[in-house]
N, C-alpha and C. Protein backbone atom coordinates (compact mmCIF):
# COMPACT_ATOMS: atom_id res chain seq x y z
N UNK A 1 -24.47 3.88 25.03
CA UNK A 1 -23.51 4.51 25.78
C UNK A 1 -22.00 4.89 25.64
N UNK A 2 -21.63 5.75 25.28
CA UNK A 2 -19.83 5.79 25.44
C UNK A 2 -19.17 4.99 25.43
N UNK A 3 -18.43 3.87 25.36
CA UNK A 3 -17.83 2.84 25.92
C UNK A 3 -16.16 3.12 26.41
N UNK A 4 -15.98 4.79 25.75
CA UNK A 4 -14.85 5.14 25.68
C UNK A 4 -14.16 5.50 27.91
N UNK A 5 -13.19 4.59 28.13
CA UNK A 5 -12.77 4.63 29.32
C UNK A 5 -13.43 3.63 30.17
N UNK A 6 -14.54 2.69 29.88
CA UNK A 6 -14.68 1.87 30.24
C UNK A 6 -14.17 0.94 30.40
N UNK A 7 -14.10 -0.40 31.57
CA UNK A 7 -13.03 -1.66 31.75
C UNK A 7 -14.10 -2.10 31.66
N UNK A 8 -13.85 -3.57 30.16
CA UNK A 8 -14.41 -4.46 29.56
C UNK A 8 -13.71 -6.11 29.87
N UNK A 9 -13.33 -6.40 30.66
CA UNK A 9 -12.79 -8.18 31.08
C UNK A 9 -11.51 -7.06 31.14
N UNK A 10 -10.53 -7.21 30.94
CA UNK A 10 -8.76 -6.97 31.02
C UNK A 10 -8.98 -6.16 30.27
N UNK A 11 -9.81 -5.35 29.37
CA UNK A 11 -8.61 -3.80 29.04
C UNK A 11 -9.93 -2.55 29.08
N UNK A 12 -9.38 -1.41 28.84
CA UNK A 12 -9.87 0.02 29.05
C UNK A 12 -9.77 -0.02 27.85
N UNK A 13 -11.02 0.28 27.11
CA UNK A 13 -11.50 1.06 26.34
C UNK A 13 -11.54 2.66 25.53
N UNK A 14 -10.84 2.49 24.91
CA UNK A 14 -9.40 3.91 24.47
C UNK A 14 -10.22 5.00 23.57
N UNK A 15 -10.82 4.47 22.57
CA UNK A 15 -11.36 5.15 21.10
C UNK A 15 -12.17 4.45 19.93
N UNK A 16 -12.97 4.31 19.45
CA UNK A 16 -13.50 4.24 18.69
C UNK A 16 -13.30 3.71 17.10
N UNK A 17 -12.00 2.53 16.25
CA UNK A 17 -11.61 2.83 14.88
C UNK A 17 -12.05 1.89 14.04
N UNK A 18 -13.67 2.05 14.33
CA UNK A 18 -14.42 1.13 12.93
C UNK A 18 -16.01 0.62 13.50
N UNK A 19 -16.03 0.23 12.41
CA UNK A 19 -17.83 -0.51 12.87
C UNK A 19 -17.67 -1.67 11.42
N UNK A 20 -18.04 -2.30 11.21
CA UNK A 20 -18.47 -3.84 10.17
C UNK A 20 -19.90 -4.64 10.16
N UNK A 21 -19.90 -5.39 9.23
CA UNK A 21 -21.64 -5.37 9.82
C UNK A 21 -21.22 -6.67 10.46
N UNK A 22 -20.36 -7.26 11.69
CA UNK A 22 -20.68 -8.03 13.18
C UNK A 22 -20.12 -7.58 13.58
N UNK A 23 -19.95 -6.52 14.59
CA UNK A 23 -19.53 -5.69 15.65
C UNK A 23 -19.13 -4.19 15.10
N UNK A 24 -19.03 -4.19 15.93
CA UNK A 24 -17.51 -2.31 16.23
C UNK A 24 -16.12 -2.72 17.01
N UNK A 25 -15.33 -2.17 16.64
CA UNK A 25 -13.67 -2.44 16.93
C UNK A 25 -13.42 -0.98 17.49
N UNK A 26 -13.24 -1.39 18.74
CA UNK A 26 -12.30 -0.47 19.60
C UNK A 26 -10.60 -0.76 19.87
N UNK A 27 -9.97 0.78 20.23
CA UNK A 27 -8.46 0.46 20.35
C UNK A 27 -9.14 0.83 21.72
N UNK A 28 -7.53 -0.38 22.83
CA UNK A 28 -8.09 -0.80 23.77
C UNK A 28 -6.58 -0.83 24.42
N UNK A 29 -6.73 -0.37 26.18
CA UNK A 29 -4.72 -1.05 26.49
C UNK A 29 -5.83 -2.65 27.35
N UNK A 30 -4.68 -3.47 27.51
CA UNK A 30 -4.56 -4.92 27.64
C UNK A 30 -3.90 -4.46 29.46
N UNK A 31 -4.74 -4.16 30.56
CA UNK A 31 -3.92 -3.86 31.72
C UNK A 31 -3.08 -4.90 32.47
N UNK A 32 -3.15 -5.98 32.51
CA UNK A 32 -2.87 -6.94 32.95
C UNK A 32 -0.75 -6.84 32.24
N UNK A 33 -1.23 -6.27 31.56
CA UNK A 33 0.33 -6.48 30.45
C UNK A 33 0.51 -5.40 29.63
N UNK A 34 -0.04 -4.12 29.65
CA UNK A 34 0.19 -2.99 29.65
C UNK A 34 0.37 -3.27 28.09
N UNK A 35 -0.27 -2.95 27.14
CA UNK A 35 -0.19 -3.18 25.91
C UNK A 35 -1.60 -2.62 24.79
N UNK A 36 -1.72 -1.77 23.85
CA UNK A 36 -2.43 -1.41 23.08
C UNK A 36 -3.04 -3.01 22.89
N UNK A 37 -4.19 -2.93 22.12
CA UNK A 37 -4.99 -3.98 21.64
C UNK A 37 -6.25 -3.13 20.91
N UNK A 38 -6.43 -3.95 20.08
CA UNK A 38 -8.08 -4.06 18.97
C UNK A 38 -9.02 -5.23 20.21
N UNK A 39 -10.62 -4.50 20.13
CA UNK A 39 -11.26 -5.28 20.75
C UNK A 39 -12.15 -4.97 19.88
N UNK A 40 -12.98 -6.03 20.09
CA UNK A 40 -14.29 -6.08 18.57
C UNK A 40 -15.36 -6.43 19.77
N UNK A 41 -15.90 -5.58 19.21
CA UNK A 41 -17.14 -6.26 19.64
C UNK A 41 -18.77 -7.01 19.05
N UNK A 42 -18.93 -8.28 19.35
CA UNK A 42 -19.78 -9.01 18.38
C UNK A 42 -21.21 -8.39 18.18
N UNK A 43 -21.94 -8.27 17.34
CA UNK A 43 -23.11 -7.18 17.50
C UNK A 43 -24.20 -8.45 18.00
N UNK A 44 -24.49 -7.76 18.77
CA UNK A 44 -25.72 -8.40 20.00
C UNK A 44 -26.77 -9.04 19.45
N UNK A 45 -27.36 -9.02 17.62
CA UNK A 45 -28.60 -9.79 17.56
C UNK A 45 -27.38 -11.32 17.02
N UNK A 46 -26.55 -10.89 16.22
CA UNK A 46 -25.30 -12.45 15.94
C UNK A 46 -24.61 -12.81 17.47
N UNK A 47 -24.71 -12.49 18.41
CA UNK A 47 -23.96 -12.82 19.86
C UNK A 47 -25.25 -14.04 19.89
N UNK A 48 -26.63 -13.68 20.24
CA UNK A 48 -27.37 -14.01 20.83
C UNK A 48 -28.11 -15.65 19.80
N UNK A 49 -27.79 -15.28 18.60
CA UNK A 49 -27.78 -16.80 18.05
C UNK A 49 -26.40 -17.45 17.93
N UNK A 50 -26.98 -18.34 18.78
CA UNK A 50 -26.02 -19.48 19.16
C UNK A 50 -25.07 -20.26 17.49
N UNK A 51 -25.94 -20.83 16.44
CA UNK A 51 -25.13 -20.99 15.46
C UNK A 51 -23.81 -19.80 15.51
N UNK A 52 -23.67 -18.47 15.60
CA UNK A 52 -23.17 -18.06 15.19
C UNK A 52 -22.36 -17.45 15.89
N UNK A 53 -22.50 -17.57 16.99
CA UNK A 53 -21.65 -16.83 18.06
C UNK A 53 -20.53 -18.34 18.56
N UNK A 54 -21.32 -19.92 18.52
CA UNK A 54 -20.31 -20.68 18.62
C UNK A 54 -19.22 -20.35 17.54
N UNK A 55 -19.44 -20.10 16.43
CA UNK A 55 -18.75 -20.12 15.42
C UNK A 55 -17.41 -19.06 15.71
N UNK A 56 -17.76 -18.40 16.09
CA UNK A 56 -17.51 -16.96 16.58
C UNK A 56 -16.31 -17.35 17.69
N UNK A 57 -16.67 -17.93 18.83
CA UNK A 57 -15.93 -18.56 18.98
C UNK A 57 -15.19 -19.40 18.44
N UNK A 58 -15.65 -21.10 18.15
CA UNK A 58 -14.36 -21.90 17.60
C UNK A 58 -13.42 -20.55 16.96
N UNK A 59 -13.85 -20.30 15.71
CA UNK A 59 -12.73 -19.87 14.72
C UNK A 59 -12.33 -18.61 15.47
N UNK A 60 -12.38 -17.94 16.49
CA UNK A 60 -11.59 -17.14 17.58
C UNK A 60 -10.19 -17.93 18.25
N UNK A 61 -10.56 -19.16 18.91
CA UNK A 61 -9.58 -19.82 19.30
C UNK A 61 -8.62 -20.72 18.36
N UNK A 62 -9.61 -20.92 16.48
CA UNK A 62 -8.25 -21.55 15.93
C UNK A 62 -7.06 -20.00 15.31
N UNK A 63 -7.57 -18.86 15.09
CA UNK A 63 -6.77 -17.38 15.22
C UNK A 63 -6.02 -17.85 15.77
N UNK A 64 -6.10 -17.60 17.83
CA UNK A 64 -5.49 -17.76 18.76
C UNK A 64 -4.39 -19.25 18.82
N UNK A 65 -3.79 -20.11 18.27
CA UNK A 65 -3.85 -20.63 17.67
C UNK A 65 -2.96 -20.61 17.18
N UNK A 66 -2.24 -19.37 16.00
CA UNK A 66 -1.06 -19.37 15.04
C UNK A 66 -0.66 -18.03 15.66
N UNK A 67 0.77 -18.74 15.66
CA UNK A 67 1.93 -17.45 16.20
C UNK A 67 2.52 -17.14 15.07
N UNK A 68 2.45 -16.30 14.03
CA UNK A 68 3.98 -15.90 13.16
C UNK A 68 3.94 -14.24 13.06
N UNK A 69 5.12 -14.15 12.48
CA UNK A 69 5.57 -12.00 12.72
C UNK A 69 4.33 -11.89 11.21
N UNK A 70 4.24 -12.66 10.83
CA UNK A 70 2.68 -11.97 9.05
C UNK A 70 1.56 -12.59 9.64
N UNK A 71 1.05 -12.90 10.56
CA UNK A 71 -0.52 -13.22 11.22
C UNK A 71 -1.09 -12.04 12.20
N UNK A 72 -2.08 -11.47 12.21
CA UNK A 72 -1.84 -10.88 13.18
C UNK A 72 -2.85 -11.25 14.79
N UNK A 73 -1.81 -11.47 15.92
CA UNK A 73 -1.84 -12.39 17.14
C UNK A 73 -2.94 -11.91 17.41
N UNK A 74 -3.61 -13.05 17.95
CA UNK A 74 -4.86 -13.40 18.91
C UNK A 74 -5.21 -13.06 20.01
N UNK A 75 -5.11 -12.69 20.68
CA UNK A 75 -5.37 -11.45 22.09
C UNK A 75 -6.33 -13.37 23.22
N UNK A 76 -7.78 -12.71 23.21
CA UNK A 76 -8.53 -13.27 24.07
C UNK A 76 -10.03 -13.39 23.39
N UNK A 77 -11.03 -14.23 23.49
CA UNK A 77 -12.05 -14.21 23.32
C UNK A 77 -12.71 -14.39 24.52
N UNK A 78 -13.83 -12.89 24.62
CA UNK A 78 -14.86 -13.17 26.00
C UNK A 78 -15.80 -12.63 26.04
N UNK A 79 -16.76 -13.09 27.14
CA UNK A 79 -18.11 -12.58 27.33
C UNK A 79 -17.62 -11.20 28.29
N UNK A 80 -18.87 -10.75 27.97
CA UNK A 80 -18.77 -9.10 29.46
C UNK A 80 -20.26 -9.05 29.25
N UNK A 81 -21.19 -9.11 30.29
CA UNK A 81 -22.76 -8.62 30.53
C UNK A 81 -22.72 -9.14 29.17
N UNK A 82 -23.17 -9.94 28.23
CA UNK A 82 -23.72 -10.85 27.70
C UNK A 82 -23.71 -10.80 26.08
N UNK A 83 -22.18 -9.71 25.88
CA UNK A 83 -21.81 -9.65 24.26
C UNK A 83 -20.48 -10.49 25.18
N UNK A 84 -20.26 -10.13 23.18
CA UNK A 84 -19.13 -11.42 22.87
C UNK A 84 -17.14 -10.53 22.59
N UNK A 85 -16.68 -10.47 22.88
CA UNK A 85 -15.36 -8.91 22.27
C UNK A 85 -14.34 -10.90 22.60
N UNK A 86 -13.77 -10.31 20.94
CA UNK A 86 -12.12 -10.09 20.71
C UNK A 86 -11.25 -9.72 20.70
N UNK A 87 -9.44 -10.04 21.39
CA UNK A 87 -8.74 -9.42 21.50
C UNK A 87 -7.94 -9.40 20.27
N UNK A 88 -7.48 -8.49 19.69
CA UNK A 88 -6.33 -8.85 19.32
C UNK A 88 -4.98 -7.92 18.89
N UNK A 89 -3.90 -7.83 18.92
CA UNK A 89 -3.16 -6.98 18.29
C UNK A 89 -3.13 -6.45 17.72
N UNK A 90 -2.85 -5.06 17.97
CA UNK A 90 -2.85 -3.51 17.25
C UNK A 90 -1.42 -3.64 16.11
N UNK A 91 -1.97 -3.03 15.34
CA UNK A 91 -1.08 -2.72 14.39
C UNK A 91 -0.64 -1.29 13.68
N UNK A 92 0.16 -0.74 14.38
CA UNK A 92 0.54 1.04 13.87
C UNK A 92 0.49 0.53 13.22
N UNK A 93 -0.32 1.43 11.98
CA UNK A 93 0.49 2.05 10.30
C UNK A 93 -1.11 1.72 9.98
N UNK A 94 -1.05 1.15 8.50
CA UNK A 94 -2.33 1.29 7.68
C UNK A 94 -3.01 0.02 7.20
N UNK A 95 -4.37 -0.08 6.82
CA UNK A 95 -4.40 -1.65 6.08
C UNK A 95 -3.82 -1.20 4.27
N UNK A 96 -3.58 -2.22 3.87
CA UNK A 96 -3.34 -2.41 2.24
C UNK A 96 -4.22 -1.97 1.24
N UNK A 97 -6.03 -1.86 1.72
CA UNK A 97 -6.19 -1.23 0.70
C UNK A 97 -6.47 0.48 1.46
N UNK A 98 -5.68 0.84 2.12
CA UNK A 98 -5.87 2.73 2.59
C UNK A 98 -4.57 3.07 2.07
N UNK A 99 -3.23 2.16 2.00
CA UNK A 99 -1.48 2.64 1.08
C UNK A 99 -2.56 2.53 -0.47
N UNK A 100 -3.22 1.50 -1.01
CA UNK A 100 -3.60 1.97 -2.25
C UNK A 100 -3.72 2.54 -2.55
N UNK A 101 -4.97 3.66 -1.93
CA UNK A 101 -5.62 4.33 -2.12
C UNK A 101 -4.64 5.73 -2.28
N UNK A 102 -3.83 5.33 -1.35
CA UNK A 102 -3.65 7.08 -1.03
C UNK A 102 -2.13 7.01 -2.57
N UNK A 103 -1.43 5.78 -2.93
CA UNK A 103 -0.16 5.57 -3.78
C UNK A 103 -0.23 5.56 -5.42
N UNK A 104 -1.25 4.51 -4.89
CA UNK A 104 -2.06 4.33 -6.59
C UNK A 104 -1.31 2.58 -6.49
N UNK A 105 -0.03 2.14 -8.43
CA UNK A 105 0.27 1.30 -8.42
C UNK A 105 1.71 1.31 -7.28
N UNK A 106 1.62 -0.43 -6.84
CA UNK A 106 3.73 0.63 -5.75
C UNK A 106 4.29 -1.20 -7.13
N UNK A 107 5.71 -0.07 -6.82
CA UNK A 107 6.37 -0.80 -7.02
C UNK A 107 6.31 -1.93 -7.22
N UNK A 108 6.96 -3.31 -8.21
CA UNK A 108 7.30 -4.77 -7.90
C UNK A 108 7.88 -5.07 -7.37
N UNK A 109 9.18 -4.11 -6.29
CA UNK A 109 9.53 -5.14 -5.82
C UNK A 109 8.90 -4.35 -4.38
N UNK A 110 8.29 -3.11 -4.55
CA UNK A 110 7.13 -3.63 -3.14
C UNK A 110 6.14 -4.38 -2.94
N UNK A 111 5.79 -4.68 -4.41
CA UNK A 111 4.69 -5.23 -4.13
C UNK A 111 5.28 -7.09 -4.63
N UNK A 112 6.21 -7.17 -4.18
CA UNK A 112 6.29 -8.81 -4.16
C UNK A 112 7.09 -8.81 -2.68
N UNK A 113 7.53 -8.12 -2.10
CA UNK A 113 7.53 -7.97 -0.40
C UNK A 113 6.06 -7.96 0.16
N UNK A 114 5.08 -7.32 -0.20
CA UNK A 114 4.19 -7.49 0.29
C UNK A 114 4.08 -8.78 0.34
N UNK A 115 3.53 -9.26 -0.82
CA UNK A 115 3.31 -11.00 -1.67
C UNK A 115 3.53 -12.00 -0.53
N UNK A 116 4.73 -11.21 -0.34
CA UNK A 116 6.09 -12.57 -0.16
C UNK A 116 5.43 -12.50 1.43
N UNK A 117 4.62 -11.36 2.13
CA UNK A 117 4.29 -12.12 3.54
C UNK A 117 3.09 -12.01 4.09
N UNK A 118 2.48 -12.46 2.69
CA UNK A 118 1.30 -12.43 3.06
C UNK A 118 1.19 -14.00 2.97
N UNK A 119 1.62 -14.19 2.19
CA UNK A 119 1.82 -16.03 1.63
C UNK A 119 3.12 -16.73 2.36
N UNK A 120 3.80 -15.94 3.48
CA UNK A 120 3.84 -16.75 4.52
C UNK A 120 3.25 -17.30 5.80
N UNK A 121 2.79 -15.80 5.87
CA UNK A 121 1.11 -15.61 7.28
C UNK A 121 0.02 -17.09 6.44
N UNK A 122 -0.26 -16.99 5.24
CA UNK A 122 -1.39 -17.75 5.16
C UNK A 122 -1.03 -19.39 5.07
N UNK A 123 0.79 -19.59 5.01
CA UNK A 123 1.37 -20.92 4.74
C UNK A 123 1.11 -20.60 6.19
N UNK A 124 1.00 -20.31 7.65
CA UNK A 124 1.42 -20.42 8.52
C UNK A 124 -0.29 -20.65 9.46
N UNK A 125 -1.17 -20.15 8.66
CA UNK A 125 -2.79 -20.24 8.84
C UNK A 125 -3.30 -21.87 8.53
N UNK A 126 -2.74 -21.79 7.23
CA UNK A 126 -3.28 -23.91 6.46
C UNK A 126 -2.45 -24.36 7.09
N UNK A 127 -1.14 -24.08 7.52
CA UNK A 127 -1.04 -25.82 8.22
C UNK A 127 -1.63 -25.62 9.29
N UNK A 128 -1.91 -24.99 9.64
CA UNK A 128 -3.61 -25.18 11.06
C UNK A 128 -4.51 -25.94 10.61
N UNK A 129 -4.69 -26.38 9.36
CA UNK A 129 -5.50 -26.54 8.93
C UNK A 129 -6.92 -25.27 9.11
N UNK A 130 -7.04 -24.55 8.91
CA UNK A 130 -7.98 -23.10 8.41
C UNK A 130 -7.79 -22.20 7.00
N UNK A 131 -8.36 -22.48 6.80
CA UNK A 131 -8.83 -21.23 5.39
C UNK A 131 -9.18 -19.85 6.46
N UNK A 132 -8.87 -18.91 5.69
CA UNK A 132 -8.86 -17.70 5.66
C UNK A 132 -9.91 -17.47 5.06
N UNK A 133 -10.36 -17.69 4.02
CA UNK A 133 -11.75 -17.66 3.37
C UNK A 133 -12.38 -15.97 3.00
N UNK A 134 -11.65 -14.45 3.45
CA UNK A 134 -11.94 -13.15 3.46
C UNK A 134 -10.58 -12.18 2.65
N UNK A 135 -9.27 -13.57 2.75
CA UNK A 135 -8.28 -12.47 1.85
C UNK A 135 -8.72 -11.16 0.87
N UNK A 136 -8.41 -9.80 1.58
CA UNK A 136 -8.55 -9.03 1.01
C UNK A 136 -7.16 -7.62 1.80
N UNK A 137 -7.02 -6.45 0.59
CA UNK A 137 -6.28 -5.41 1.71
C UNK A 137 -7.15 -5.42 2.72
N UNK A 138 -7.93 -4.93 2.44
CA UNK A 138 -8.18 -3.78 4.08
C UNK A 138 -8.12 -5.22 5.15
N UNK A 139 -7.71 -6.70 5.44
CA UNK A 139 -7.17 -7.38 5.41
C UNK A 139 -6.41 -8.11 5.99
N UNK A 140 -4.74 -6.80 5.14
CA UNK A 140 -3.84 -7.17 4.86
C UNK A 140 -3.16 -5.58 6.02
N UNK A 141 -2.79 -5.99 7.14
CA UNK A 141 -2.53 -4.35 7.28
C UNK A 141 -0.28 -4.00 6.93
N UNK A 142 -0.41 -3.56 7.25
CA UNK A 142 1.21 -2.96 6.90
C UNK A 142 1.45 -1.95 8.01
N UNK A 143 2.80 -2.65 8.97
CA UNK A 143 2.93 -1.68 9.90
C UNK A 143 4.11 -0.63 9.43
N UNK A 144 4.17 0.38 10.53
CA UNK A 144 5.42 1.57 10.41
C UNK A 144 6.63 0.82 10.51
N UNK A 145 6.95 -0.28 10.77
CA UNK A 145 8.28 -0.21 10.87
C UNK A 145 8.49 -1.87 9.82
N UNK A 146 7.27 -1.63 8.43
CA UNK A 146 7.13 -2.80 7.19
C UNK A 146 7.19 -3.92 7.78
N UNK A 147 6.77 -3.70 8.70
CA UNK A 147 5.64 -5.57 8.64
C UNK A 147 4.29 -5.63 7.97
N UNK A 148 4.45 -6.57 7.74
CA UNK A 148 2.76 -7.43 6.68
C UNK A 148 2.39 -8.75 7.58
N UNK A 149 0.93 -8.19 7.94
CA UNK A 149 0.36 -9.37 8.38
C UNK A 149 -1.20 -9.41 8.08
N UNK A 150 -1.16 -10.86 7.81
CA UNK A 150 -2.59 -10.96 7.88
C UNK A 150 -3.49 -11.28 8.80
N UNK A 151 -4.61 -10.18 8.41
CA UNK A 151 -5.89 -10.52 9.43
C UNK A 151 -7.40 -10.84 9.68
N UNK A 152 -7.98 -10.82 10.48
CA UNK A 152 -9.40 -11.45 10.39
C UNK A 152 -9.67 -13.00 9.72
N UNK A 153 -8.68 -13.69 9.90
CA UNK A 153 -8.69 -15.03 9.15
C UNK A 153 -10.01 -15.33 9.71
N UNK A 154 -11.11 -16.60 9.45
CA UNK A 154 -12.52 -17.02 10.40
C UNK A 154 -13.55 -15.93 10.09
N UNK A 155 -12.98 -14.88 10.95
CA UNK A 155 -13.52 -14.02 11.74
C UNK A 155 -14.68 -13.23 11.78
N UNK A 156 -14.50 -12.12 10.03
CA UNK A 156 -15.06 -11.44 8.93
C UNK A 156 -16.07 -10.87 9.90
N UNK A 157 -14.81 -10.06 10.63
CA UNK A 157 -15.04 -8.63 11.53
C UNK A 157 -14.23 -7.10 10.68
N UNK A 158 -14.92 -6.51 9.50
CA UNK A 158 -14.49 -5.57 9.11
C UNK A 158 -13.72 -4.42 9.90
N UNK A 159 -13.15 -3.73 10.26
CA UNK A 159 -12.89 -2.40 10.54
C UNK A 159 -13.27 -1.11 10.38
N UNK A 160 -13.69 -1.79 8.92
CA UNK A 160 -14.10 -0.71 8.11
C UNK A 160 -14.33 -0.69 6.87
N UNK A 161 -15.79 0.09 6.54
CA UNK A 161 -15.73 -0.14 4.86
C UNK A 161 -17.10 -1.53 5.09
N UNK A 162 -17.91 -1.55 4.86
CA UNK A 162 -18.70 -2.46 4.74
C UNK A 162 -18.45 -4.04 4.77
N UNK A 163 -19.07 -4.58 5.64
CA UNK A 163 -18.84 -6.36 5.26
C UNK A 163 -19.89 -7.01 4.32
N UNK A 164 -19.09 -7.21 3.27
CA UNK A 164 -20.04 -8.27 3.06
C UNK A 164 -20.38 -9.82 3.40
N UNK A 165 -19.97 -10.56 4.23
CA UNK A 165 -20.36 -11.27 5.46
C UNK A 165 -22.03 -11.30 5.84
N UNK A 166 -22.55 -12.08 5.64
CA UNK A 166 -24.08 -12.44 6.45
C UNK A 166 -24.39 -13.65 6.82
N UNK A 167 -24.43 -14.12 7.83
CA UNK A 167 -25.55 -15.44 7.89
C UNK A 167 -26.08 -15.73 7.17
N UNK A 168 -25.52 -16.99 6.25
CA UNK A 168 -26.56 -17.99 5.69
C UNK A 168 -25.79 -17.82 4.35
N UNK A 169 -25.08 -16.43 3.95
CA UNK A 169 -24.99 -16.16 2.83
C UNK A 169 -23.28 -16.51 2.14
N UNK A 170 -23.02 -16.76 1.17
CA UNK A 170 -20.75 -17.25 0.88
C UNK A 170 -20.23 -16.26 1.85
N UNK A 171 -18.66 -16.35 2.44
CA UNK A 171 -18.18 -15.63 3.66
C UNK A 171 -17.45 -15.30 1.71
N UNK A 172 -16.55 -14.60 2.17
CA UNK A 172 -15.77 -13.12 1.33
C UNK A 172 -16.21 -12.02 1.01
N UNK A 173 -15.49 -11.23 0.27
CA UNK A 173 -15.91 -10.55 -0.76
C UNK A 173 -16.28 -9.92 -1.85
N UNK A 174 -16.53 -10.38 -3.17
CA UNK A 174 -17.17 -10.51 -4.24
C UNK A 174 -15.54 -10.99 -5.23
N UNK A 175 -14.94 -9.33 -5.13
CA UNK A 175 -13.69 -9.23 -6.20
C UNK A 175 -12.84 -10.03 -5.95
N UNK A 176 -12.86 -10.31 -4.93
CA UNK A 176 -11.15 -11.59 -3.90
C UNK A 176 -11.76 -13.17 -4.00
N UNK A 177 -12.99 -13.22 -4.27
CA UNK A 177 -13.46 -14.88 -4.48
C UNK A 177 -13.10 -15.32 -5.30
N UNK A 178 -12.55 -16.64 -4.95
CA UNK A 178 -12.33 -17.60 -6.38
C UNK A 178 -14.06 -18.28 -6.56
N UNK A 179 -13.54 -18.77 -7.64
CA UNK A 179 -14.65 -19.28 -8.04
C UNK A 179 -15.92 -20.06 -7.55
N UNK A 180 -15.23 -21.26 -6.45
CA UNK A 180 -15.95 -22.06 -6.38
C UNK A 180 -15.88 -21.28 -4.92
N UNK A 181 -15.63 -20.09 -4.31
CA UNK A 181 -16.38 -19.59 -3.58
C UNK A 181 -17.79 -19.32 -4.23
N UNK A 182 -17.72 -17.72 -5.20
CA UNK A 182 -18.88 -17.20 -5.36
C UNK A 182 -19.95 -18.18 -5.38
N UNK A 183 -20.26 -20.19 -5.96
CA UNK A 183 -20.42 -20.54 -5.79
C UNK A 183 -21.27 -21.74 -5.21
N UNK A 184 -20.46 -21.12 -3.03
CA UNK A 184 -21.16 -21.33 -2.16
C UNK A 184 -20.37 -23.08 -1.92
N UNK A 185 -19.46 -23.26 -2.86
CA UNK A 185 -19.15 -24.79 -2.14
C UNK A 185 -18.14 -24.37 -1.64
N UNK A 186 -17.61 -25.59 -1.12
CA UNK A 186 -16.61 -25.65 0.26
C UNK A 186 -15.50 -25.06 -0.70
N UNK A 187 -14.50 -24.36 0.15
CA UNK A 187 -13.36 -24.46 -0.07
C UNK A 187 -12.01 -24.67 0.39
N UNK A 188 -11.05 -23.85 -0.45
CA UNK A 188 -9.71 -25.15 0.75
C UNK A 188 -8.74 -23.90 0.91
N UNK A 189 -7.81 -24.50 0.72
CA UNK A 189 -6.55 -23.21 0.22
C UNK A 189 -6.29 -22.75 -0.13
N UNK A 190 -6.46 -23.32 -1.86
CA UNK A 190 -6.06 -22.88 -2.79
C UNK A 190 -7.07 -21.54 -3.39
N UNK A 191 -8.57 -21.22 -3.02
CA UNK A 191 -9.10 -20.30 -2.49
C UNK A 191 -8.29 -19.12 -1.47
N UNK A 192 -7.61 -19.10 -1.35
CA UNK A 192 -6.90 -17.52 0.12
C UNK A 192 -5.36 -17.61 -1.90
N UNK A 193 -5.26 -18.59 -1.70
CA UNK A 193 -3.67 -18.17 -2.51
C UNK A 193 -4.50 -17.58 -4.26
N UNK A 194 -5.69 -17.93 -5.20
CA UNK A 194 -7.32 -16.94 -4.97
C UNK A 194 -6.74 -15.80 -5.69
N UNK A 195 -7.20 -15.87 -4.52
CA UNK A 195 -7.55 -14.04 -3.40
C UNK A 195 -6.46 -13.46 -3.37
N UNK A 196 -5.22 -14.17 -3.20
CA UNK A 196 -3.58 -13.51 -3.02
C UNK A 196 -3.05 -13.18 -4.03
N UNK A 197 -3.40 -14.17 -5.84
CA UNK A 197 -3.52 -13.57 -6.54
C UNK A 197 -4.23 -12.26 -7.39
N UNK A 198 -5.05 -11.75 -6.65
CA UNK A 198 -6.03 -11.49 -6.91
C UNK A 198 -5.35 -9.65 -6.25
N UNK A 199 -4.91 -9.48 -5.22
CA UNK A 199 -4.18 -8.77 -4.86
C UNK A 199 -3.17 -7.86 -4.97
N UNK A 200 -2.50 -9.27 -4.99
CA UNK A 200 -0.82 -8.92 -5.84
C UNK A 200 -1.62 -8.29 -7.14
N UNK A 201 -2.19 -8.01 -8.04
CA UNK A 201 -2.25 -7.36 -9.89
C UNK A 201 -3.00 -6.51 -8.25
N UNK A 202 -4.05 -5.80 -8.12
CA UNK A 202 -3.96 -4.36 -7.22
C UNK A 202 -3.83 -3.68 -6.57
N UNK A 203 -2.43 -4.68 -6.93
CA UNK A 203 -0.58 -3.50 -5.80
C UNK A 203 -0.30 -3.14 -6.94
N UNK A 204 -0.29 -3.74 -8.24
CA UNK A 204 0.53 -3.26 -9.01
C UNK A 204 -0.26 -3.05 -10.26
N UNK A 205 -1.13 -2.47 -10.40
CA UNK A 205 -2.52 -1.32 -11.17
C UNK A 205 -2.77 -0.66 -10.82
N UNK A 206 -3.45 -1.31 -9.27
CA UNK A 206 -3.58 0.34 -8.78
C UNK A 206 -5.21 -0.12 -8.90
N UNK A 207 -5.97 -1.13 -9.31
CA UNK A 207 -7.25 -1.69 -9.41
C UNK A 207 -6.96 -2.62 -9.09
N UNK A 208 -9.00 -3.82 -8.71
CA UNK A 208 -8.88 -4.82 -9.10
C UNK A 208 -9.39 -4.99 -10.58
């Protein structure tokens, strides 16, 4: 059934904005505070897998604990009629992947400013003991007012394009993964810094 116009918890669905390997993504409005939000629904078959559902909720809580201008804010995580949802800040703009595909290589100063914003966001995420594990241009949002925001750390819900993340496999997207992450080994903050270097290279050259 078309969910547009439906009330899900404290949110009214306005339109679908993407699908990923773990769910569907909508633009919604949080009625209590009258503000836009991105609402992500975990796929029902994954939601009913206790291990995945527990991880989803645990990492949503970890994301909600981070408050920083360079990190997308998480508003809520809730269940509605058996489905699991996460609500997060809506950033009006485009993701870095779209920006690179449209504009090609960035001037070094612009690339450096975006990389600095990403670094500041990662610094805050790491200060909370969390590792992003899937930093890539699709998970870096560029706002219309010049904002740079890191999105989707630990949650692995791609808003567009195929998601590589699958239960039981190494988390991440191959072109941006550190060697230790590729091998399925335990990763720490340094793996995110590796991915940030790959993203910076892509901004400067227009290719991975």
